[in-house]
Amino acid sequence: MSWTGPLGSVEGLEAIKEKGRQFNASLTEVHAIEVSEPLIAEPFFSLVMGFDATFKEGGRRALREICVYEVANDKIVREQFFYSMG
């Protein structure tokens, strides 16, 4: 089963930046990151992101997620991530 990430789906540049700050604050160390080529269906694009990281709570985990971004006026205005909580 897939879920939207625990930080939720956000809209607007400031909300996206804050979500990034919160996520980064939850990390102890990033060991690896991999990103697929984008799939584009204007005004959206998506990609697969995988990363191996050590979290302050939960220890080291390898995760893969689908990232969906909405673009308006040449800027990302909304992002949403889907991944398995298993």
N, C-alpha and C. Protein backbone atom coordinates (compact mmCIF):
# COMPACT_ATOMS: atom_id res chain seq x y z
N MET A 1 0.84 -1.18 0.00
CA MET A 1 0.00 0.00 0.00
C MET A 1 0.88 1.24 0.00
N SER A 2 0.51 2.25 -0.72
CA SER A 2 1.29 3.49 -0.79
C SER A 2 0.57 4.60 -0.05
N TRP A 3 1.35 5.49 0.51
CA TRP A 3 0.81 6.61 1.28
C TRP A 3 1.55 7.87 0.90
N THR A 4 0.92 8.99 1.13
CA THR A 4 1.61 10.26 1.04
C THR A 4 2.52 10.34 2.25
N GLY A 5 3.69 10.92 2.10
CA GLY A 5 4.66 11.00 3.18
C GLY A 5 4.13 11.64 4.45
N PRO A 6 4.77 11.39 5.58
CA PRO A 6 4.30 11.89 6.87
C PRO A 6 4.32 13.41 6.98
N LEU A 7 5.12 14.08 6.18
CA LEU A 7 5.13 15.53 6.21
C LEU A 7 4.03 16.10 5.32
N GLY A 8 3.32 15.21 4.62
CA GLY A 8 2.17 15.62 3.84
C GLY A 8 2.51 16.23 2.50
N SER A 9 1.47 16.49 1.78
CA SER A 9 1.55 17.16 0.49
C SER A 9 1.46 18.66 0.76
N VAL A 10 2.28 19.46 0.11
CA VAL A 10 2.28 20.90 0.38
C VAL A 10 2.17 21.68 -0.91
N GLU A 11 1.75 22.94 -0.78
CA GLU A 11 1.66 23.85 -1.91
C GLU A 11 2.34 25.15 -1.55
N GLY A 12 3.05 25.73 -2.51
CA GLY A 12 3.72 27.01 -2.31
C GLY A 12 5.17 26.86 -1.94
N LEU A 13 5.98 27.80 -2.40
CA LEU A 13 7.43 27.73 -2.21
C LEU A 13 7.83 27.67 -0.74
N GLU A 14 7.26 28.50 0.10
CA GLU A 14 7.65 28.50 1.51
C GLU A 14 7.31 27.18 2.18
N ALA A 15 6.16 26.60 1.86
CA ALA A 15 5.77 25.31 2.43
C ALA A 15 6.72 24.20 1.95
N ILE A 16 7.12 24.25 0.69
CA ILE A 16 8.06 23.26 0.15
C ILE A 16 9.41 23.39 0.85
N LYS A 17 9.89 24.63 1.04
CA LYS A 17 11.16 24.83 1.73
C LYS A 17 11.10 24.33 3.18
N GLU A 18 10.00 24.62 3.87
CA GLU A 18 9.86 24.18 5.26
C GLU A 18 9.80 22.67 5.35
N LYS A 19 9.10 22.03 4.43
CA LYS A 19 9.04 20.57 4.41
C LYS A 19 10.45 19.99 4.24
N GLY A 20 11.24 20.59 3.35
CA GLY A 20 12.63 20.16 3.15
C GLY A 20 13.47 20.33 4.41
N ARG A 21 13.29 21.45 5.10
CA ARG A 21 14.04 21.68 6.35
C ARG A 21 13.69 20.64 7.40
N GLN A 22 12.39 20.33 7.52
CA GLN A 22 11.96 19.33 8.50
C GLN A 22 12.53 17.95 8.17
N PHE A 23 12.49 17.60 6.88
CA PHE A 23 13.03 16.30 6.49
C PHE A 23 14.53 16.23 6.76
N ASN A 24 15.26 17.25 6.36
CA ASN A 24 16.71 17.28 6.58
C ASN A 24 17.05 17.21 8.07
N ALA A 25 16.24 17.84 8.91
CA ALA A 25 16.48 17.81 10.35
C ALA A 25 16.27 16.41 10.93
N SER A 26 15.53 15.55 10.22
CA SER A 26 15.29 14.19 10.72
C SER A 26 16.43 13.24 10.39
N LEU A 27 17.40 13.69 9.60
CA LEU A 27 18.50 12.83 9.14
C LEU A 27 19.76 12.99 9.98
N THR A 28 20.45 11.89 10.15
CA THR A 28 21.78 11.91 10.76
C THR A 28 22.84 11.88 9.67
N GLU A 29 22.62 11.01 8.66
CA GLU A 29 23.60 10.87 7.57
C GLU A 29 22.92 10.32 6.33
N VAL A 30 23.31 10.82 5.16
CA VAL A 30 22.84 10.30 3.89
C VAL A 30 23.99 9.50 3.28
N HIS A 31 23.72 8.23 2.96
CA HIS A 31 24.76 7.34 2.44
C HIS A 31 24.75 7.28 0.91
N ALA A 32 23.56 7.37 0.30
CA ALA A 32 23.46 7.31 -1.16
C ALA A 32 22.12 7.88 -1.60
N ILE A 33 22.10 8.48 -2.80
CA ILE A 33 20.87 8.98 -3.42
C ILE A 33 20.91 8.61 -4.89
N GLU A 34 19.76 8.19 -5.41
CA GLU A 34 19.64 7.87 -6.84
C GLU A 34 18.32 8.45 -7.34
N VAL A 35 18.34 9.06 -8.53
CA VAL A 35 17.16 9.71 -9.09
C VAL A 35 17.02 9.27 -10.55
N SER A 36 15.80 8.87 -10.93
CA SER A 36 15.54 8.44 -12.30
C SER A 36 15.42 9.64 -13.24
N GLU A 37 15.33 9.36 -14.52
CA GLU A 37 15.00 10.38 -15.50
C GLU A 37 13.55 10.81 -15.25
N PRO A 38 13.21 12.06 -15.50
CA PRO A 38 11.84 12.51 -15.25
C PRO A 38 10.86 12.00 -16.31
N LEU A 39 9.63 11.83 -15.89
CA LEU A 39 8.51 11.54 -16.77
C LEU A 39 7.65 12.80 -16.76
N ILE A 40 7.43 13.40 -17.94
CA ILE A 40 6.79 14.72 -18.02
C ILE A 40 5.41 14.61 -18.64
N ALA A 41 4.43 15.20 -17.96
CA ALA A 41 3.06 15.36 -18.47
C ALA A 41 2.62 16.73 -17.98
N GLU A 42 2.96 17.75 -18.76
CA GLU A 42 2.75 19.13 -18.31
C GLU A 42 1.36 19.35 -17.78
N PRO A 43 1.22 20.02 -16.66
CA PRO A 43 2.21 20.80 -15.93
C PRO A 43 2.91 20.00 -14.83
N PHE A 44 2.94 18.68 -14.94
CA PHE A 44 3.54 17.84 -13.91
C PHE A 44 4.78 17.13 -14.44
N PHE A 45 5.66 16.76 -13.53
CA PHE A 45 6.69 15.78 -13.84
C PHE A 45 6.87 14.91 -12.62
N SER A 46 7.32 13.69 -12.86
CA SER A 46 7.53 12.76 -11.76
C SER A 46 8.85 12.04 -11.98
N LEU A 47 9.36 11.48 -10.90
CA LEU A 47 10.58 10.69 -10.96
C LEU A 47 10.60 9.71 -9.80
N VAL A 48 11.47 8.73 -9.92
CA VAL A 48 11.67 7.79 -8.83
C VAL A 48 12.94 8.21 -8.11
N MET A 49 12.86 8.31 -6.79
CA MET A 49 14.03 8.65 -5.99
C MET A 49 14.27 7.53 -4.98
N GLY A 50 15.50 7.11 -4.91
CA GLY A 50 15.89 6.13 -3.92
C GLY A 50 17.00 6.72 -3.08
N PHE A 51 16.97 6.43 -1.79
CA PHE A 51 18.07 6.88 -0.96
C PHE A 51 18.26 5.98 0.22
N ASP A 52 19.47 5.96 0.70
CA ASP A 52 19.90 5.19 1.85
C ASP A 52 20.37 6.21 2.87
N ALA A 53 19.69 6.27 4.01
CA ALA A 53 20.01 7.30 5.00
C ALA A 53 19.83 6.77 6.41
N THR A 54 20.52 7.41 7.34
CA THR A 54 20.33 7.12 8.76
C THR A 54 19.50 8.26 9.34
N PHE A 55 18.37 7.88 9.93
CA PHE A 55 17.44 8.84 10.53
C PHE A 55 17.67 8.92 12.03
N LYS A 56 17.42 10.10 12.60
CA LYS A 56 17.57 10.28 14.04
C LYS A 56 16.66 9.31 14.79
N GLU A 57 15.46 9.09 14.26
CA GLU A 57 14.54 8.11 14.82
C GLU A 57 14.33 7.03 13.77
N GLY A 58 14.63 5.80 14.10
CA GLY A 58 14.41 4.71 13.16
C GLY A 58 15.66 4.12 12.55
N GLY A 59 16.81 4.76 12.75
CA GLY A 59 18.06 4.20 12.25
C GLY A 59 18.20 4.26 10.74
N ARG A 60 19.04 3.39 10.22
CA ARG A 60 19.36 3.39 8.79
C ARG A 60 18.27 2.67 8.00
N ARG A 61 17.84 3.30 6.90
CA ARG A 61 16.83 2.72 6.03
C ARG A 61 17.13 3.07 4.57
N ALA A 62 16.77 2.15 3.71
CA ALA A 62 16.83 2.41 2.27
C ALA A 62 15.38 2.58 1.81
N LEU A 63 15.09 3.68 1.12
CA LEU A 63 13.73 3.99 0.70
C LEU A 63 13.69 4.27 -0.80
N ARG A 64 12.54 3.96 -1.43
CA ARG A 64 12.28 4.33 -2.82
C ARG A 64 10.91 4.97 -2.85
N GLU A 65 10.79 6.06 -3.59
CA GLU A 65 9.52 6.76 -3.63
C GLU A 65 9.26 7.35 -5.01
N ILE A 66 7.99 7.60 -5.28
CA ILE A 66 7.59 8.32 -6.49
C ILE A 66 7.40 9.78 -6.07
N CYS A 67 8.05 10.68 -6.75
CA CYS A 67 7.96 12.11 -6.46
C CYS A 67 7.19 12.77 -7.60
N VAL A 68 6.15 13.53 -7.27
CA VAL A 68 5.33 14.21 -8.26
C VAL A 68 5.40 15.70 -7.99
N TYR A 69 5.72 16.47 -9.01
CA TYR A 69 5.86 17.92 -8.89
C TYR A 69 4.93 18.61 -9.87
N GLU A 70 4.31 19.71 -9.45
CA GLU A 70 3.50 20.53 -10.32
C GLU A 70 4.25 21.84 -10.59
N VAL A 71 4.27 22.27 -11.85
CA VAL A 71 5.01 23.45 -12.25
C VAL A 71 4.05 24.51 -12.77
N ALA A 72 4.26 25.76 -12.35
CA ALA A 72 3.51 26.91 -12.86
C ALA A 72 4.48 28.08 -12.98
N ASN A 73 4.43 28.79 -14.07
CA ASN A 73 5.33 29.92 -14.30
C ASN A 73 6.80 29.53 -14.12
N ASP A 74 7.16 28.35 -14.63
CA ASP A 74 8.53 27.83 -14.60
C ASP A 74 9.05 27.57 -13.19
N LYS A 75 8.15 27.38 -12.21
CA LYS A 75 8.56 27.09 -10.84
C LYS A 75 7.76 25.92 -10.29
N ILE A 76 8.38 25.13 -9.44
CA ILE A 76 7.66 24.06 -8.76
C ILE A 76 6.77 24.71 -7.71
N VAL A 77 5.46 24.43 -7.80
CA VAL A 77 4.51 25.04 -6.88
C VAL A 77 3.87 24.02 -5.94
N ARG A 78 4.04 22.73 -6.25
CA ARG A 78 3.48 21.69 -5.38
C ARG A 78 4.30 20.44 -5.54
N GLU A 79 4.46 19.71 -4.45
CA GLU A 79 5.16 18.43 -4.50
C GLU A 79 4.40 17.42 -3.66
N GLN A 80 4.51 16.16 -4.05
CA GLN A 80 3.88 15.09 -3.30
C GLN A 80 4.73 13.84 -3.49
N PHE A 81 4.95 13.10 -2.41
CA PHE A 81 5.78 11.90 -2.46
C PHE A 81 4.95 10.71 -2.01
N PHE A 82 5.14 9.58 -2.72
CA PHE A 82 4.43 8.35 -2.41
C PHE A 82 5.44 7.24 -2.19
N TYR A 83 5.28 6.51 -1.08
CA TYR A 83 6.16 5.40 -0.80
C TYR A 83 5.46 4.44 0.16
N SER A 84 5.99 3.23 0.22
CA SER A 84 5.43 2.21 1.09
C SER A 84 5.90 2.43 2.51
N MET A 85 4.99 2.33 3.46
CA MET A 85 5.34 2.48 4.87
C MET A 85 5.82 1.15 5.46
N GLY A 86 5.81 0.07 4.64
CA GLY A 86 6.22 -1.26 5.12
C GLY A 86 7.67 -1.32 5.32
